[in-house]
N, C-alpha and C. Protein backbone atom coordinates (compact mmCIF):
# COMPACT_ATOMS: atom_id res chain seq x y z
N MET A 1 24.07 8.62 -7.23
CA MET A 1 25.08 8.63 -8.27
C MET A 1 24.59 9.23 -9.50
N LEU A 2 23.29 9.06 -9.87
CA LEU A 2 22.82 9.62 -11.03
C LEU A 2 22.76 11.19 -10.95
N LEU A 3 22.42 11.65 -9.80
CA LEU A 3 22.32 13.14 -9.63
C LEU A 3 23.79 13.70 -9.91
N MET A 4 24.83 13.05 -9.41
CA MET A 4 26.16 13.61 -9.57
C MET A 4 26.61 13.67 -11.06
N GLU A 5 26.13 12.56 -11.76
CA GLU A 5 26.47 12.26 -13.15
C GLU A 5 25.80 13.39 -14.07
N MET A 6 24.48 13.84 -13.60
CA MET A 6 23.72 14.77 -14.21
C MET A 6 24.40 16.11 -14.01
N GLY A 7 24.85 16.36 -12.77
CA GLY A 7 25.60 17.72 -12.49
C GLY A 7 26.81 17.75 -13.37
N VAL A 8 27.59 16.79 -13.42
CA VAL A 8 28.84 16.78 -14.22
C VAL A 8 28.48 17.15 -15.72
N CYS A 9 27.43 16.52 -16.24
CA CYS A 9 26.92 16.76 -17.54
C CYS A 9 26.72 18.26 -17.75
N GLU A 10 25.94 18.88 -16.75
CA GLU A 10 25.70 20.32 -16.79
C GLU A 10 27.00 21.06 -16.80
N PHE A 11 27.93 20.76 -16.04
CA PHE A 11 29.20 21.39 -16.07
C PHE A 11 29.80 21.49 -17.40
N LEU A 12 29.75 20.35 -18.09
CA LEU A 12 30.51 20.15 -19.29
C LEU A 12 29.81 20.53 -20.61
N TYR A 13 28.50 20.29 -20.70
CA TYR A 13 27.72 20.48 -21.89
C TYR A 13 26.69 21.53 -21.87
N PHE A 14 26.41 22.29 -20.87
CA PHE A 14 25.45 23.33 -20.88
C PHE A 14 26.26 24.69 -20.41
N PRO A 15 26.74 25.31 -21.45
CA PRO A 15 27.65 26.44 -21.31
C PRO A 15 26.88 27.66 -20.59
N THR A 16 25.57 27.81 -20.73
CA THR A 16 24.89 28.84 -20.17
C THR A 16 24.55 28.78 -18.75
N ILE A 17 24.61 27.50 -18.20
CA ILE A 17 24.12 27.23 -16.86
C ILE A 17 25.26 27.46 -15.93
N PRO A 18 25.32 28.51 -15.06
CA PRO A 18 26.43 28.64 -14.11
C PRO A 18 26.66 27.43 -13.24
N THR A 19 27.92 27.20 -12.87
CA THR A 19 28.23 25.99 -12.12
C THR A 19 27.59 25.97 -10.69
N LYS A 20 27.49 27.15 -10.10
CA LYS A 20 26.96 27.28 -8.78
C LYS A 20 25.52 26.95 -8.78
N VAL A 21 24.83 27.30 -9.89
CA VAL A 21 23.36 27.01 -10.05
C VAL A 21 23.15 25.45 -10.17
N SER A 22 24.01 24.87 -10.90
CA SER A 22 23.82 23.42 -11.07
C SER A 22 24.09 22.72 -9.82
N ILE A 23 25.16 23.16 -8.97
CA ILE A 23 25.44 22.44 -7.64
C ILE A 23 24.29 22.65 -6.74
N ASN A 24 23.80 23.88 -6.69
CA ASN A 24 22.63 24.17 -5.78
C ASN A 24 21.38 23.25 -6.17
N GLU A 25 21.05 23.27 -7.57
CA GLU A 25 19.97 22.39 -7.94
C GLU A 25 20.10 20.94 -7.49
N TYR A 26 21.36 20.37 -7.60
CA TYR A 26 21.35 18.98 -7.29
C TYR A 26 21.42 18.74 -5.85
N ILE A 27 21.91 19.78 -5.12
CA ILE A 27 21.89 19.67 -3.61
C ILE A 27 20.37 19.47 -3.12
N ASP A 28 19.62 20.43 -3.79
CA ASP A 28 18.17 20.45 -3.43
C ASP A 28 17.40 19.13 -3.85
N LEU A 29 17.82 18.65 -5.00
CA LEU A 29 17.22 17.24 -5.46
C LEU A 29 17.66 16.26 -4.57
N ALA A 30 18.81 16.18 -4.15
CA ALA A 30 19.33 15.15 -3.10
C ALA A 30 18.56 15.21 -1.91
N LYS A 31 18.34 16.31 -1.35
CA LYS A 31 17.72 16.53 -0.15
C LYS A 31 16.26 16.04 -0.38
N ALA A 32 15.56 16.34 -1.42
CA ALA A 32 14.14 16.09 -1.65
C ALA A 32 14.03 14.55 -1.89
N TYR A 33 14.94 13.90 -2.40
CA TYR A 33 14.63 12.47 -2.79
C TYR A 33 15.47 11.47 -2.08
N SER A 34 16.20 12.02 -1.14
CA SER A 34 17.05 11.17 -0.30
C SER A 34 16.92 11.64 1.13
N THR A 35 18.04 11.71 1.79
CA THR A 35 18.15 12.24 3.21
C THR A 35 18.66 13.66 3.27
N PRO A 36 18.45 14.43 4.18
CA PRO A 36 19.03 15.84 4.38
C PRO A 36 20.60 15.74 4.32
N GLN A 37 21.15 14.71 4.74
CA GLN A 37 22.69 14.56 4.66
C GLN A 37 23.23 14.37 3.35
N SER A 38 22.25 13.84 2.42
CA SER A 38 22.61 13.56 1.01
C SER A 38 23.04 14.88 0.35
N GLY A 39 22.49 16.04 0.63
CA GLY A 39 22.78 17.28 0.12
C GLY A 39 24.22 17.66 0.32
N GLN A 40 24.70 17.46 1.56
CA GLN A 40 26.04 17.66 1.90
C GLN A 40 27.01 16.73 1.07
N PHE A 41 26.67 15.55 0.94
CA PHE A 41 27.49 14.57 0.14
C PHE A 41 27.64 14.98 -1.22
N VAL A 42 26.47 15.39 -1.95
CA VAL A 42 26.53 15.72 -3.35
C VAL A 42 27.31 17.01 -3.46
N ASN A 43 27.12 17.99 -2.51
CA ASN A 43 27.86 19.24 -2.61
C ASN A 43 29.29 18.99 -2.53
N GLY A 44 29.79 18.10 -1.78
CA GLY A 44 31.27 17.81 -1.67
C GLY A 44 31.84 17.21 -2.85
N ILE A 45 31.13 16.22 -3.39
CA ILE A 45 31.52 15.49 -4.63
C ILE A 45 31.54 16.48 -5.74
N LEU A 46 30.47 17.12 -6.01
CA LEU A 46 30.33 18.01 -7.14
C LEU A 46 31.38 19.16 -7.13
N ASP A 47 31.59 19.67 -5.89
CA ASP A 47 32.60 20.67 -5.79
C ASP A 47 33.89 20.24 -6.07
N ASN A 48 34.26 19.07 -5.68
CA ASN A 48 35.65 18.51 -6.00
C ASN A 48 35.75 18.12 -7.44
N ILE A 49 34.69 17.63 -8.03
CA ILE A 49 34.83 17.31 -9.53
C ILE A 49 34.90 18.62 -10.20
N LEU A 50 34.27 19.65 -9.83
CA LEU A 50 34.34 20.93 -10.61
C LEU A 50 35.75 21.54 -10.43
N LYS A 51 36.32 21.42 -9.29
CA LYS A 51 37.69 21.92 -9.24
C LYS A 51 38.69 21.23 -10.14
N GLU A 52 38.55 19.95 -10.23
CA GLU A 52 39.33 19.03 -11.08
C GLU A 52 39.09 19.40 -12.54
N LEU A 53 37.95 19.56 -12.94
CA LEU A 53 37.56 20.00 -14.28
C LEU A 53 38.13 21.37 -14.75
N GLU A 54 37.98 22.30 -13.71
CA GLU A 54 38.53 23.70 -13.96
C GLU A 54 40.08 23.71 -14.07
N GLN A 55 40.79 22.76 -13.23
CA GLN A 55 42.23 22.73 -13.37
C GLN A 55 42.59 22.12 -14.67
N ALA A 56 41.80 21.21 -15.31
CA ALA A 56 42.05 20.51 -16.49
C ALA A 56 41.65 21.40 -17.68
N GLY A 57 41.03 22.67 -17.38
CA GLY A 57 40.50 23.49 -18.47
C GLY A 57 39.36 23.07 -19.29
N GLN A 58 38.58 22.14 -18.67
CA GLN A 58 37.42 21.55 -19.41
C GLN A 58 36.06 22.27 -19.11
N ILE A 59 36.15 23.24 -18.29
CA ILE A 59 34.86 23.98 -18.12
C ILE A 59 34.82 25.26 -18.91
N GLN A 60 33.95 25.35 -19.77
CA GLN A 60 33.78 26.49 -20.75
C GLN A 60 32.43 27.10 -20.56
N LYS A 61 32.33 28.06 -19.78
CA LYS A 61 31.06 28.63 -19.53
C LYS A 61 30.99 30.07 -20.16
N ILE A 62 29.80 30.43 -20.63
CA ILE A 62 29.71 31.67 -21.30
C ILE A 62 28.66 32.51 -20.44
N ASP A 63 28.79 33.86 -20.44
CA ASP A 63 27.74 34.63 -19.75
C ASP A 63 26.57 34.86 -20.58
N ARG A 64 25.38 34.72 -19.99
CA ARG A 64 24.19 34.90 -20.53
C ARG A 64 23.87 36.47 -20.74
N THR A 65 23.45 36.82 -21.82
CA THR A 65 23.16 38.28 -21.94
C THR A 65 21.84 38.59 -21.41
N LYS A 66 21.63 39.51 -20.71
CA LYS A 66 20.37 40.07 -20.09
C LYS A 66 19.63 40.97 -21.04
N LYS A 67 18.39 40.73 -21.22
CA LYS A 67 17.69 41.61 -22.21
C LYS A 67 16.90 42.80 -21.40
């Protein structure tokens, strides 16, 4: 549950971290600290939350400039 809350926090409050990167990081963390199936569960939940947040217009991401 904590991993998913942290993922949602990254979606909402870290505008320079792409959403796909956040999801992949939390999938890997779930696999490392729980079971391999936990990665699929976290992926499904975070993906659905992301869709809902995007529909509500709450995701505000900016492009990072490359140097």
